[in-house]
Amino acid sequence: MSASRRRRLLAGVLTLTAALTASACSGGGDAPQSDPNTITFMSKLFGTAPEPTGEMQQAIEKFLGKKIKVTWVPNAEYTEKINVTLASDNIPQVVVVDPHLPAFVKSAEAGAFWDLTDKLDKYPNLKPADARTALNSSINGKIYGLYRMRPLLRSAIVIRKDWLKKVGLEEPKTIEDFYQVAKAFTEKDPDGNGKKDTYGLIIPKWPGNYASASPYDVIETWFGAPNGYGERNGKVVPGFDTPEFLEANRWLKKMVDEGMVNPDFATLDSAKWNEPFHQGKGGMIIDVNIRSRQVLDLFREEGDKNYGDKVAMVGNLAKADGQKYSYPFTGYADSLAISKQSVRTEAELDNVLKTLDKLATKEGQVLLQNGIEGRNFKVDNGDTATLINEDDPAVVTVQDNVDDAFIQLSTKGTVDIGGIAYQRVPPGEPYRNMVALQKELMEEDLKTAVHNVALPVVAPTQVQRGPQIDTIVSDARVKFLSGAITEEQLKGEIKRWYDGGGTQIVAEINDLLSKLPK
């Protein structure tokens, strides 16, 4: 981001803090009432915006008995749009937002959004399903939004099953096993073309910073490094300031140096992550478990009748001594926050929460996540949804509206990774087997999950200085792995993070954590 653009966004954030502190206090009984029969939303969009008069929106409005108005914003533009909107006087009633986005943290703590911490017990479908996730999505212990549920543990390794058979190896259980599989995939011609043109592990250019669920973060956790932040000698420290972080990256650099990792790992577009796996160039991916079904799709869609023989999946790996550390996620993806600017009274808040509570019922979640039953899906075995009428363009449009848009308003999981709606599983035994394995691995790895202890708190200096220093360690890590800098220089970059504000961030995190309710 350019310096001028950063200045514009920062100016907007500072303006919002002053403006909304005043507006947040205007919740008196004399405030003008909003239309109780219309709920306004702002949400991310991953496809084409639904028509307000379209079949899907009409179905939702009929179910709620209310009108909805949604401002759809393309995902790539969403953060900037959120910053601008929060600094305006036109905030929708319900906003889908990252609860730890600096601009949102500032506005929430200034009083611009409703504190829901003690308000959700009377709404049976809005009470947090998981206490840890509710805390993870909070701002210093206060809940300013309804978190959008995701499984707490989704990390896994997707492997070319046919390559394992070709090189005569079993699925890896330990870090050393993983190394040996990667070595064999690189050196033993698993694609059978007589050339040494394959590699064991595929890593893309990662779009996030440190502790953003990258393959690097997962591997570091396997070695025993904290996930983001963890306790060492009675203090909470960043995971990159531990011996295990360096040990993990030395190990991964050895793999890079020996040609076991795709040479374009610093530049490979993450949207093309599946291509080397499908095209027979790379043999393993460390990511979320749903990627196993994405690559199954690629083999099935090209007409491969043996597509189930191409893909295997294992969970997190143990160290040589048998100790296992598994990488969990936050348990949420964004939250639904309620603006005090447009929802001014307790009565209006109750109306909005009742609406969201109805959307959070099974019937509401099925509508948002699966679509219209009998029109574009049918229920199989009482628990899964199969798409129907896929040759009807009108039905396809309805399904696109579900997949790309309205699912963003759901709070209870998704059809692909589990929730209270029907799970959508393509026909075919390999998919059902993979879904069963996914659940099995998740349950097993949760027993050894290493949670980020700092998730519930937001340090003020992180909000102020984060944009300037957040990329330091993640950039240095890639440079170290590629050989552009030495280990001593990597340590120097970690020191630069501390000197640039990190020392204060760590101190504030420790202080804020000590004040959380026990």
Protein backbone atom coordinates (compact mmCIF):
# COMPACT_ATOMS: atom_id res chain seq x y z
CA MET A 1 0.00 0.00 0.00
CA SER A 2 1.35 3.44 -0.88
CA ALA A 3 2.23 5.95 1.83
CA SER A 4 -0.42 8.36 0.57
CA ARG A 5 -3.09 5.67 0.65
CA ARG A 6 -2.06 4.70 4.18
CA ARG A 7 -2.36 8.34 5.22
CA ARG A 8 -5.85 8.57 3.73
CA LEU A 9 -7.01 5.43 5.53
CA LEU A 10 -5.42 6.51 8.80
CA ALA A 11 -7.09 9.88 8.52
CA GLY A 12 -10.42 8.12 8.01
CA VAL A 13 -9.87 5.95 11.07
CA LEU A 14 -8.96 8.95 13.25
CA THR A 15 -11.97 10.86 11.98
CA LEU A 16 -14.23 7.94 12.72
CA THR A 17 -13.02 7.63 16.32
CA ALA A 18 -14.07 11.18 17.16
CA ALA A 19 -17.24 11.17 15.11
CA LEU A 20 -18.57 7.85 16.30
CA THR A 21 -17.76 8.37 19.95
CA ALA A 22 -20.39 11.07 19.88
CA SER A 23 -22.90 9.21 17.71
CA ALA A 24 -22.56 6.03 19.79
CA CYS A 25 -23.93 7.83 22.81
CA SER A 26 -27.12 8.84 21.02
CA GLY A 27 -29.09 5.78 22.05
CA GLY A 28 -31.77 7.65 23.94
CA GLY A 29 -35.48 7.13 23.59
CA ASP A 30 -35.88 10.28 21.50
CA ALA A 31 -33.70 8.95 18.68
CA PRO A 32 -35.51 8.48 15.35
CA GLN A 33 -36.73 4.95 14.79
CA SER A 34 -35.54 2.84 11.86
CA ASP A 35 -37.99 0.76 9.84
CA PRO A 36 -38.50 -2.38 11.97
CA ASN A 37 -39.52 -4.36 8.88
CA THR A 38 -36.25 -3.78 6.98
CA ILE A 39 -32.78 -4.95 8.01
CA THR A 40 -29.74 -3.51 6.23
CA PHE A 41 -26.47 -5.42 5.77
CA MET A 42 -23.01 -4.87 4.33
CA SER A 43 -21.18 -8.01 3.24
CA LYS A 44 -18.33 -9.40 1.18
CA LEU A 45 -19.04 -10.71 -2.29
CA PHE A 46 -17.11 -13.46 -4.08
CA GLY A 47 -19.13 -13.58 -7.31
CA THR A 48 -21.97 -11.63 -8.92
CA ALA A 49 -24.27 -9.61 -6.68
CA PRO A 50 -27.76 -11.11 -6.37
CA GLU A 51 -30.71 -9.16 -7.70
CA PRO A 52 -32.76 -7.63 -4.85
CA THR A 53 -35.87 -9.04 -6.53
CA GLY A 54 -34.22 -12.38 -7.22
CA GLU A 55 -35.56 -15.76 -6.19
CA MET A 56 -33.09 -16.29 -3.36
CA GLN A 57 -33.59 -12.91 -1.71
CA GLN A 58 -37.36 -13.28 -1.97
CA ALA A 59 -37.13 -16.67 -0.24
CA ILE A 60 -35.10 -15.17 2.62
CA GLU A 61 -37.51 -12.26 3.01
CA LYS A 62 -40.49 -14.61 3.05
CA PHE A 63 -38.80 -16.73 5.72
CA LEU A 64 -37.98 -13.70 7.89
CA GLY A 65 -41.19 -11.77 7.27
CA LYS A 66 -38.96 -8.75 6.71
CA LYS A 67 -37.20 -7.00 3.85
CA ILE A 68 -33.42 -7.10 3.66
CA LYS A 69 -31.15 -4.64 1.88
CA VAL A 70 -27.58 -5.80 1.31
CA THR A 71 -24.64 -3.70 0.17
CA TRP A 72 -22.46 -6.27 -1.60
CA VAL A 73 -18.76 -5.36 -1.86
CA PRO A 74 -16.21 -7.45 -3.84
CA ASN A 75 -13.86 -9.21 -1.44
CA ALA A 76 -10.73 -7.63 -2.92
CA GLU A 77 -12.11 -4.16 -2.11
CA TYR A 78 -13.74 -4.99 1.20
CA THR A 79 -11.15 -3.80 3.72
CA GLU A 80 -10.83 -0.40 2.08
CA LYS A 81 -14.62 -0.11 1.78
CA ILE A 82 -15.01 -1.00 5.46
CA ASN A 83 -12.53 1.71 6.47
CA VAL A 84 -14.39 4.31 4.41
CA THR A 85 -17.82 3.17 5.64
CA LEU A 86 -16.84 3.20 9.30
CA ALA A 87 -15.74 6.81 8.94
CA SER A 88 -19.03 7.80 7.30
CA ASP A 89 -22.51 8.58 8.61
CA ASN A 90 -24.12 5.78 6.61
CA ILE A 91 -23.27 2.49 8.33
CA PRO A 92 -25.72 -0.38 7.68
CA GLN A 93 -27.33 -2.03 10.69
CA VAL A 94 -25.36 -5.28 10.34
CA VAL A 95 -21.78 -5.30 9.03
CA VAL A 96 -19.74 -8.40 8.19
CA VAL A 97 -16.26 -7.55 9.46
CA ASP A 98 -13.00 -8.99 10.74
CA PRO A 99 -13.43 -8.31 14.47
CA HIS A 100 -9.70 -7.50 14.81
CA LEU A 101 -9.47 -5.13 11.85
CA PRO A 102 -7.76 -2.03 13.32
CA ALA A 103 -10.43 0.41 12.11
CA PHE A 104 -13.18 -1.77 13.53
CA VAL A 105 -11.36 -2.17 16.86
CA LYS A 106 -11.06 1.61 17.13
CA SER A 107 -14.70 2.22 16.31
CA ALA A 108 -16.01 -0.57 18.54
CA GLU A 109 -13.99 0.61 21.51
CA ALA A 110 -15.17 4.17 20.80
CA GLY A 111 -18.74 2.93 21.22
CA ALA A 112 -19.84 2.78 17.59
CA PHE A 113 -21.00 -0.86 17.76
CA TRP A 114 -23.17 -2.63 20.28
CA ASP A 115 -21.37 -4.57 23.02
CA LEU A 116 -23.19 -7.90 22.90
CA THR A 117 -21.25 -9.60 25.70
CA ASP A 118 -24.20 -9.77 28.10
CA LYS A 119 -27.02 -9.63 25.59
CA LEU A 120 -27.00 -12.97 23.78
CA ASP A 121 -28.33 -15.37 26.41
CA LYS A 122 -31.96 -14.49 25.61
CA TYR A 123 -31.50 -15.45 21.94
CA PRO A 124 -31.17 -19.26 21.87
CA ASN A 125 -29.54 -19.48 18.44
CA LEU A 126 -27.07 -16.65 19.01
CA LYS A 127 -25.46 -17.86 22.22
CA PRO A 128 -21.84 -18.78 21.40
CA ALA A 129 -21.53 -22.46 20.59
CA ASP A 130 -17.90 -22.52 21.72
CA ALA A 131 -16.48 -20.43 24.57
CA ARG A 132 -12.93 -20.44 23.19
CA THR A 133 -14.03 -19.21 19.78
CA ALA A 134 -16.18 -16.50 21.34
CA LEU A 135 -13.13 -15.35 23.30
CA ASN A 136 -10.89 -15.59 20.22
CA SER A 137 -13.22 -13.28 18.28
CA SER A 138 -13.62 -10.81 21.15
CA ILE A 139 -11.84 -7.51 21.64
CA ASN A 140 -10.15 -7.80 25.02
CA GLY A 141 -12.91 -10.05 26.27
CA LYS A 142 -15.84 -7.99 24.94
CA ILE A 143 -18.05 -9.41 22.17
CA TYR A 144 -18.88 -6.87 19.47
CA GLY A 145 -20.24 -9.28 16.88
CA LEU A 146 -21.69 -12.71 16.18
CA TYR A 147 -18.78 -14.83 15.00
CA ARG A 148 -19.20 -16.81 11.79
CA MET A 149 -18.40 -20.35 12.89
CA ARG A 150 -15.61 -22.40 11.35
CA PRO A 151 -14.07 -25.63 12.67
CA LEU A 152 -11.33 -24.92 15.21
CA LEU A 153 -8.98 -27.37 13.53
CA ARG A 154 -8.73 -27.78 9.76
CA SER A 155 -4.99 -28.13 9.11
CA ALA A 156 -3.99 -31.22 7.14
CA ILE A 157 -1.64 -32.54 4.46
CA VAL A 158 -3.05 -33.49 1.06
CA ILE A 159 -0.89 -36.10 -0.72
CA ARG A 160 -0.74 -37.71 -4.16
CA LYS A 161 -1.91 -41.18 -3.15
CA ASP A 162 -0.77 -42.75 -6.43
CA TRP A 163 2.72 -41.31 -5.93
CA LEU A 164 2.98 -42.88 -2.48
CA LYS A 165 2.23 -46.24 -4.06
CA LYS A 166 4.74 -45.61 -6.85
CA VAL A 167 7.62 -44.83 -4.45
CA GLY A 168 6.63 -47.56 -1.99
CA LEU A 169 6.04 -45.38 1.08
CA GLU A 170 3.29 -45.18 3.68
CA GLU A 171 1.42 -42.01 4.63
CA PRO A 172 3.64 -39.87 6.88
CA LYS A 173 3.03 -39.82 10.62
CA THR A 174 6.11 -37.87 11.74
CA ILE A 175 8.10 -34.88 10.53
CA GLU A 176 10.89 -37.24 9.47
CA ASP A 177 8.39 -39.37 7.52
CA PHE A 178 7.26 -36.21 5.73
CA TYR A 179 10.84 -35.38 4.76
CA GLN A 180 11.40 -38.88 3.37
CA VAL A 181 8.16 -38.74 1.35
CA ALA A 182 9.12 -35.32 -0.06
CA LYS A 183 12.58 -36.66 -0.93
CA ALA A 184 11.15 -39.69 -2.71
CA PHE A 185 8.63 -37.56 -4.60
CA THR A 186 11.54 -35.40 -5.77
CA GLU A 187 14.06 -38.10 -6.65
CA LYS A 188 12.20 -41.31 -7.54
CA ASP A 189 10.28 -40.22 -10.64
CA PRO A 190 6.76 -40.67 -9.17
CA ASP A 191 5.10 -39.52 -12.41
CA GLY A 192 7.01 -42.14 -14.40
CA ASN A 193 8.20 -39.88 -17.20
CA GLY A 194 11.86 -40.71 -16.74
CA LYS A 195 12.78 -37.14 -15.76
CA LYS A 196 13.66 -35.50 -12.47
CA ASP A 197 10.99 -32.80 -12.76
CA THR A 198 8.83 -33.24 -9.66
CA TYR A 199 9.04 -31.93 -6.09
CA GLY A 200 7.60 -33.05 -2.79
CA LEU A 201 5.93 -29.96 -1.33
CA ILE A 202 3.98 -27.15 -3.00
CA ILE A 203 3.92 -23.73 -1.29
CA PRO A 204 2.37 -20.58 -2.83
CA LYS A 205 3.16 -16.93 -2.32
CA TRP A 206 1.29 -16.53 0.95
CA PRO A 207 -1.17 -13.60 1.02
CA GLY A 208 -1.09 -13.22 4.82
CA ASN A 209 1.54 -12.25 7.36
CA TYR A 210 3.00 -14.25 10.24
CA ALA A 211 0.49 -16.47 12.11
CA SER A 212 -2.06 -16.45 9.27
CA ALA A 213 -2.36 -20.25 8.84
CA SER A 214 0.34 -20.48 6.18
CA PRO A 215 2.20 -23.76 5.56
CA TYR A 216 5.15 -22.11 7.33
CA ASP A 217 3.09 -21.48 10.46
CA VAL A 218 1.83 -25.08 10.52
CA ILE A 219 5.33 -26.52 10.19
CA GLU A 220 6.67 -24.24 12.95
CA THR A 221 3.91 -25.48 15.25
CA TRP A 222 4.85 -29.11 14.49
CA PHE A 223 8.32 -28.30 15.81
CA GLY A 224 6.87 -26.90 19.03
CA ALA A 225 6.87 -23.16 18.31
CA PRO A 226 3.91 -21.18 19.70
CA ASN A 227 1.02 -20.61 17.33
CA GLY A 228 1.23 -16.84 16.99
CA TYR A 229 1.85 -16.19 20.67
CA GLY A 230 2.56 -18.60 23.50
CA GLU A 231 3.93 -18.71 27.02
CA ARG A 232 7.65 -19.02 27.69
CA ASN A 233 9.10 -18.63 31.21
CA GLY A 234 5.93 -17.07 32.54
CA LYS A 235 5.59 -14.47 29.77
CA VAL A 236 3.67 -14.52 26.50
CA VAL A 237 6.02 -14.12 23.51
CA PRO A 238 5.63 -14.21 19.72
CA GLY A 239 6.30 -17.63 18.25
CA PHE A 240 9.01 -16.30 15.96
CA ASP A 241 11.14 -15.41 18.98
CA THR A 242 11.70 -19.04 20.00
CA PRO A 243 14.34 -21.68 19.18
CA GLU A 244 11.65 -23.91 17.67
CA PHE A 245 10.82 -21.28 15.05
CA LEU A 246 14.42 -21.23 13.88
CA GLU A 247 14.70 -25.03 13.99
CA ALA A 248 11.61 -25.42 11.82
CA ASN A 249 12.85 -22.94 9.23
CA ARG A 250 16.30 -24.51 9.10
CA TRP A 251 14.59 -27.82 8.34
CA LEU A 252 12.38 -26.29 5.66
CA LYS A 253 15.34 -24.43 4.12
CA LYS A 254 17.13 -27.78 3.81
CA MET A 255 14.14 -29.03 1.81
CA VAL A 256 14.23 -25.92 -0.37
CA ASP A 257 17.98 -26.26 -0.95
CA GLU A 258 17.55 -29.93 -1.90
CA GLY A 259 14.89 -29.13 -4.50
CA MET A 260 11.98 -30.66 -2.59
CA VAL A 261 9.89 -27.45 -2.68
CA ASN A 262 8.56 -25.78 -5.83
CA PRO A 263 11.22 -23.24 -6.83
CA ASP A 264 8.59 -20.49 -7.32
CA PHE A 265 7.27 -20.75 -3.75
CA ALA A 266 7.82 -17.00 -3.27
CA THR A 267 5.78 -16.07 -6.35
CA LEU A 268 3.28 -18.88 -7.12
CA ASP A 269 -0.24 -17.40 -7.22
CA SER A 270 -2.20 -18.93 -4.33
CA ALA A 271 -5.23 -19.18 -6.65
CA LYS A 272 -3.20 -21.70 -8.69
CA TRP A 273 -2.06 -23.76 -5.69
CA ASN A 274 -3.86 -26.90 -6.85
CA GLU A 275 -2.42 -26.89 -10.37
CA PRO A 276 1.01 -28.48 -9.71
CA PHE A 277 -0.67 -31.21 -7.63
CA HIS A 278 -3.23 -31.96 -10.34
CA GLN A 279 -0.73 -31.68 -13.18
CA GLY A 280 1.74 -34.09 -11.61
CA LYS A 281 4.45 -31.61 -10.68
CA GLY A 282 4.16 -31.57 -6.87
CA GLY A 283 3.07 -34.20 -4.39
CA MET A 284 1.97 -32.57 -1.11
CA ILE A 285 0.07 -29.50 0.08
CA ILE A 286 -0.16 -28.29 3.70
CA ASP A 287 -3.43 -26.38 4.06
CA VAL A 288 -7.04 -26.71 5.20
CA ASN A 289 -8.55 -30.18 4.89
CA ILE A 290 -11.20 -29.08 2.38
CA ARG A 291 -8.45 -28.79 -0.24
CA SER A 292 -8.56 -32.58 -0.47
CA ARG A 293 -12.00 -32.32 -2.04
CA GLN A 294 -10.95 -29.50 -4.33
CA VAL A 295 -8.26 -31.67 -5.90
CA LEU A 296 -10.62 -34.66 -6.05
CA ASP A 297 -12.87 -32.37 -8.09
CA LEU A 298 -10.08 -31.67 -10.58
CA PHE A 299 -9.44 -35.36 -11.26
CA ARG A 300 -13.14 -36.27 -11.37
CA GLU A 301 -14.09 -33.40 -13.67
CA GLU A 302 -11.55 -34.48 -16.29
CA GLY A 303 -13.23 -37.88 -16.45
CA ASP A 304 -10.73 -39.87 -14.38
CA LYS A 305 -12.76 -42.85 -13.11
CA ASN A 306 -10.02 -43.65 -10.60
CA TYR A 307 -9.95 -40.14 -9.13
CA GLY A 308 -10.28 -41.58 -5.61
CA ASP A 309 -6.89 -43.29 -6.03
CA LYS A 310 -5.15 -39.95 -6.60
CA VAL A 311 -5.68 -38.19 -3.27
CA ALA A 312 -4.79 -39.09 0.31
CA MET A 313 -4.90 -36.91 3.41
CA VAL A 314 -3.23 -37.02 6.82
CA GLY A 315 -3.36 -34.74 9.83
CA ASN A 316 -0.68 -32.90 11.77
CA LEU A 317 2.67 -34.61 12.29
CA ALA A 318 4.53 -35.74 15.41
CA LYS A 319 8.16 -35.08 16.29
CA ALA A 320 10.69 -37.92 16.45
CA ASP A 321 10.02 -38.35 20.19
CA GLY A 322 6.32 -38.86 19.53
CA GLN A 323 5.29 -35.44 20.86
CA LYS A 324 2.61 -33.92 18.64
CA TYR A 325 1.66 -30.26 18.28
CA SER A 326 -1.28 -29.56 15.97
CA TYR A 327 -2.10 -26.26 14.30
CA PRO A 328 -5.62 -24.94 15.05
CA PHE A 329 -7.44 -22.02 13.51
CA THR A 330 -9.37 -19.24 15.20
CA GLY A 331 -12.72 -21.03 14.98
CA TYR A 332 -14.34 -18.14 13.12
CA ALA A 333 -14.22 -16.17 9.87
CA ASP A 334 -15.40 -12.59 10.41
CA SER A 335 -18.34 -11.60 12.57
CA LEU A 336 -21.67 -9.81 12.20
CA ALA A 337 -21.47 -6.52 14.11
CA ILE A 338 -24.42 -4.23 14.81
CA SER A 339 -23.99 -0.47 14.36
CA LYS A 340 -25.12 1.93 17.07
CA GLN A 341 -25.40 4.63 14.43
CA SER A 342 -28.25 2.89 12.61
CA VAL A 343 -29.58 0.72 15.47
CA ARG A 344 -30.02 3.38 18.12
CA THR A 345 -32.21 1.92 20.85
CA GLU A 346 -32.43 -1.28 22.86
CA ALA A 347 -35.79 -1.96 21.16
CA GLU A 348 -34.23 -1.66 17.71
CA LEU A 349 -31.34 -3.88 18.81
CA ASP A 350 -33.81 -6.51 20.01
CA ASN A 351 -35.53 -6.42 16.62
CA VAL A 352 -32.23 -6.95 14.77
CA LEU A 353 -31.07 -9.70 17.13
CA LYS A 354 -34.41 -11.53 16.81
CA THR A 355 -33.99 -11.41 13.02
CA LEU A 356 -30.44 -12.77 13.23
CA ASP A 357 -31.61 -15.38 15.73
CA LYS A 358 -34.17 -16.62 13.21
CA LEU A 359 -31.53 -16.73 10.49
CA ALA A 360 -29.37 -18.82 12.87
CA THR A 361 -31.99 -21.58 13.19
CA LYS A 362 -31.47 -24.76 11.19
CA GLU A 363 -34.14 -23.69 8.71
CA GLY A 364 -32.50 -20.30 8.26
CA GLN A 365 -29.00 -21.73 7.88
CA VAL A 366 -30.21 -24.31 5.35
CA LEU A 367 -31.72 -21.49 3.30
CA LEU A 368 -28.54 -19.36 3.44
CA GLN A 369 -26.11 -22.23 2.88
CA ASN A 370 -27.98 -24.82 0.81
CA GLY A 371 -30.58 -22.75 -1.00
CA ILE A 372 -34.18 -23.65 -1.73
CA GLU A 373 -35.05 -27.29 -1.04
CA GLY A 374 -36.69 -29.05 -3.97
CA ARG A 375 -35.63 -26.25 -6.28
CA ASN A 376 -31.86 -26.61 -6.26
CA PHE A 377 -31.08 -29.33 -3.73
CA LYS A 378 -32.52 -32.46 -2.19
CA VAL A 379 -31.67 -34.09 1.14
CA ASP A 380 -29.96 -37.49 1.12
CA ASN A 381 -29.58 -39.76 4.14
CA GLY A 382 -31.03 -37.04 6.35
CA ASP A 383 -27.75 -35.16 6.58
CA THR A 384 -26.33 -34.25 3.16
CA ALA A 385 -27.51 -32.09 0.26
CA THR A 386 -27.26 -33.07 -3.38
CA LEU A 387 -27.63 -30.40 -6.06
CA ILE A 388 -30.49 -30.93 -8.52
CA ASN A 389 -31.67 -29.24 -11.73
CA GLU A 390 -28.10 -28.24 -12.51
CA ASP A 391 -28.92 -27.84 -16.22
CA ASP A 392 -31.53 -25.16 -15.47
CA PRO A 393 -29.84 -21.73 -15.75
CA ALA A 394 -32.31 -20.19 -13.32
CA VAL A 395 -31.48 -22.80 -10.68
CA VAL A 396 -27.75 -22.36 -11.28
CA THR A 397 -28.21 -18.64 -10.62
CA VAL A 398 -29.93 -19.40 -7.33
CA GLN A 399 -27.07 -21.69 -6.32
CA ASP A 400 -24.48 -19.10 -7.31
CA ASN A 401 -26.29 -16.57 -5.10
CA VAL A 402 -26.02 -19.05 -2.24
CA ASP A 403 -22.37 -20.00 -2.79
CA ASP A 404 -21.02 -16.55 -3.57
CA ALA A 405 -23.22 -14.23 -1.54
CA PHE A 406 -25.86 -15.19 1.01
CA ILE A 407 -23.65 -17.75 2.73
CA GLN A 408 -21.72 -14.71 4.04
CA LEU A 409 -24.71 -13.91 6.26
CA SER A 410 -24.67 -17.33 7.91
CA THR A 411 -23.15 -17.82 11.36
CA LYS A 412 -23.27 -21.59 11.83
CA GLY A 413 -20.55 -23.01 9.59
CA THR A 414 -20.75 -23.75 5.88
CA VAL A 415 -21.95 -26.61 3.74
CA ASP A 416 -18.38 -27.56 2.84
CA ILE A 417 -16.73 -27.63 6.24
CA GLY A 418 -19.53 -28.46 8.64
CA GLY A 419 -22.30 -26.64 10.46
CA ILE A 420 -25.99 -27.08 11.19
CA ALA A 421 -27.07 -26.89 7.54
CA TYR A 422 -26.88 -29.94 5.31
CA GLN A 423 -23.34 -30.75 4.25
CA ARG A 424 -22.95 -30.71 0.51
CA VAL A 425 -21.07 -33.76 -0.71
CA PRO A 426 -20.72 -34.64 -4.41
CA PRO A 427 -21.89 -38.14 -5.30
CA GLY A 428 -19.18 -40.77 -5.15
CA GLU A 429 -17.63 -42.92 -2.47
CA PRO A 430 -14.24 -41.10 -2.49
CA TYR A 431 -15.96 -37.89 -1.34
CA ARG A 432 -17.86 -39.59 1.45
CA ASN A 433 -14.68 -41.31 2.59
CA MET A 434 -12.81 -37.99 2.55
CA VAL A 435 -15.50 -36.23 4.58
CA ALA A 436 -15.42 -39.03 7.16
CA LEU A 437 -11.61 -38.85 7.30
CA GLN A 438 -11.76 -35.07 7.64
CA LYS A 439 -13.96 -35.37 10.75
CA GLU A 440 -11.77 -38.12 12.21
CA LEU A 441 -8.54 -36.13 11.78
CA MET A 442 -10.10 -32.96 13.18
CA GLU A 443 -11.26 -34.71 16.33
CA GLU A 444 -7.90 -36.41 16.82
CA ASP A 445 -5.76 -33.31 16.24
CA LEU A 446 -7.88 -31.12 18.52
CA LYS A 447 -6.43 -33.16 21.40
CA THR A 448 -2.97 -31.73 20.67
CA ALA A 449 -3.96 -28.29 19.37
CA VAL A 450 -1.65 -25.37 20.20
CA HIS A 451 -3.94 -22.37 20.56
CA ASN A 452 -2.84 -18.78 20.05
CA VAL A 453 -3.21 -17.38 23.56
CA ALA A 454 -3.18 -13.77 22.34
CA LEU A 455 -6.20 -14.00 20.05
CA PRO A 456 -8.68 -12.52 22.57
CA VAL A 457 -6.75 -9.28 23.01
CA VAL A 458 -5.85 -6.39 20.73
CA ALA A 459 -2.84 -4.31 21.72
CA PRO A 460 -3.25 -0.56 21.05
CA THR A 461 0.24 -0.38 19.54
CA GLN A 462 -0.69 -3.25 17.20
CA VAL A 463 -3.58 -1.14 15.91
CA GLN A 464 -1.31 1.88 15.49
CA ARG A 465 1.94 0.30 14.32
CA GLY A 466 0.81 -3.04 12.90
CA PRO A 467 0.56 -1.91 9.26
CA GLN A 468 4.18 -0.73 9.40
CA ILE A 469 5.75 -3.80 11.04
CA ASP A 470 3.44 -6.77 10.38
CA THR A 471 5.24 -7.82 7.19
CA ILE A 472 8.76 -7.70 8.63
CA VAL A 473 9.00 -11.28 9.93
CA SER A 474 6.94 -12.95 7.20
CA ASP A 475 9.00 -11.26 4.46
CA ALA A 476 12.27 -12.12 6.23
CA ARG A 477 11.21 -15.75 6.60
CA VAL A 478 10.72 -16.13 2.84
CA LYS A 479 14.04 -14.38 2.17
CA PHE A 480 15.81 -16.74 4.55
CA LEU A 481 14.24 -19.82 2.96
CA SER A 482 15.21 -18.63 -0.51
CA GLY A 483 18.78 -17.92 0.57
CA ALA A 484 18.57 -14.15 0.17
CA ILE A 485 19.48 -13.55 3.83
CA THR A 486 21.33 -15.53 6.50
CA GLU A 487 19.96 -16.82 9.79
CA GLU A 488 21.73 -13.98 11.61
CA GLN A 489 20.03 -11.50 9.30
CA LEU A 490 16.68 -13.19 9.98
CA LYS A 491 17.34 -12.66 13.70
CA GLY A 492 18.17 -9.06 12.89
CA GLU A 493 14.80 -8.60 11.22
CA ILE A 494 13.08 -10.02 14.31
CA LYS A 495 14.93 -7.40 16.35
CA ARG A 496 13.77 -4.75 13.88
CA TRP A 497 10.18 -5.83 14.55
CA TYR A 498 10.74 -5.38 18.28
CA ASP A 499 12.41 -1.99 17.77
CA GLY A 500 9.60 -0.82 15.47
CA GLY A 501 6.90 -1.28 18.11
CA GLY A 502 6.96 -5.00 18.84
CA THR A 503 8.40 -4.55 22.33
CA GLN A 504 5.43 -2.41 23.29
CA ILE A 505 2.98 -4.79 21.59
CA VAL A 506 4.26 -7.76 23.58
CA ALA A 507 4.10 -5.77 26.83
CA GLU A 508 0.52 -4.68 26.11
CA ILE A 509 -0.56 -8.22 25.16
CA ASN A 510 0.79 -9.56 28.46
CA ASP A 511 -0.98 -6.79 30.38
CA LEU A 512 -4.31 -7.25 28.57
CA LEU A 513 -4.23 -11.03 28.99
CA SER A 514 -3.69 -10.60 32.73
CA LYS A 515 -6.90 -8.57 32.91
CA LEU A 516 -9.16 -11.04 31.10
CA PRO A 517 -11.78 -12.79 33.23
CA LYS A 518 -10.37 -16.07 34.51
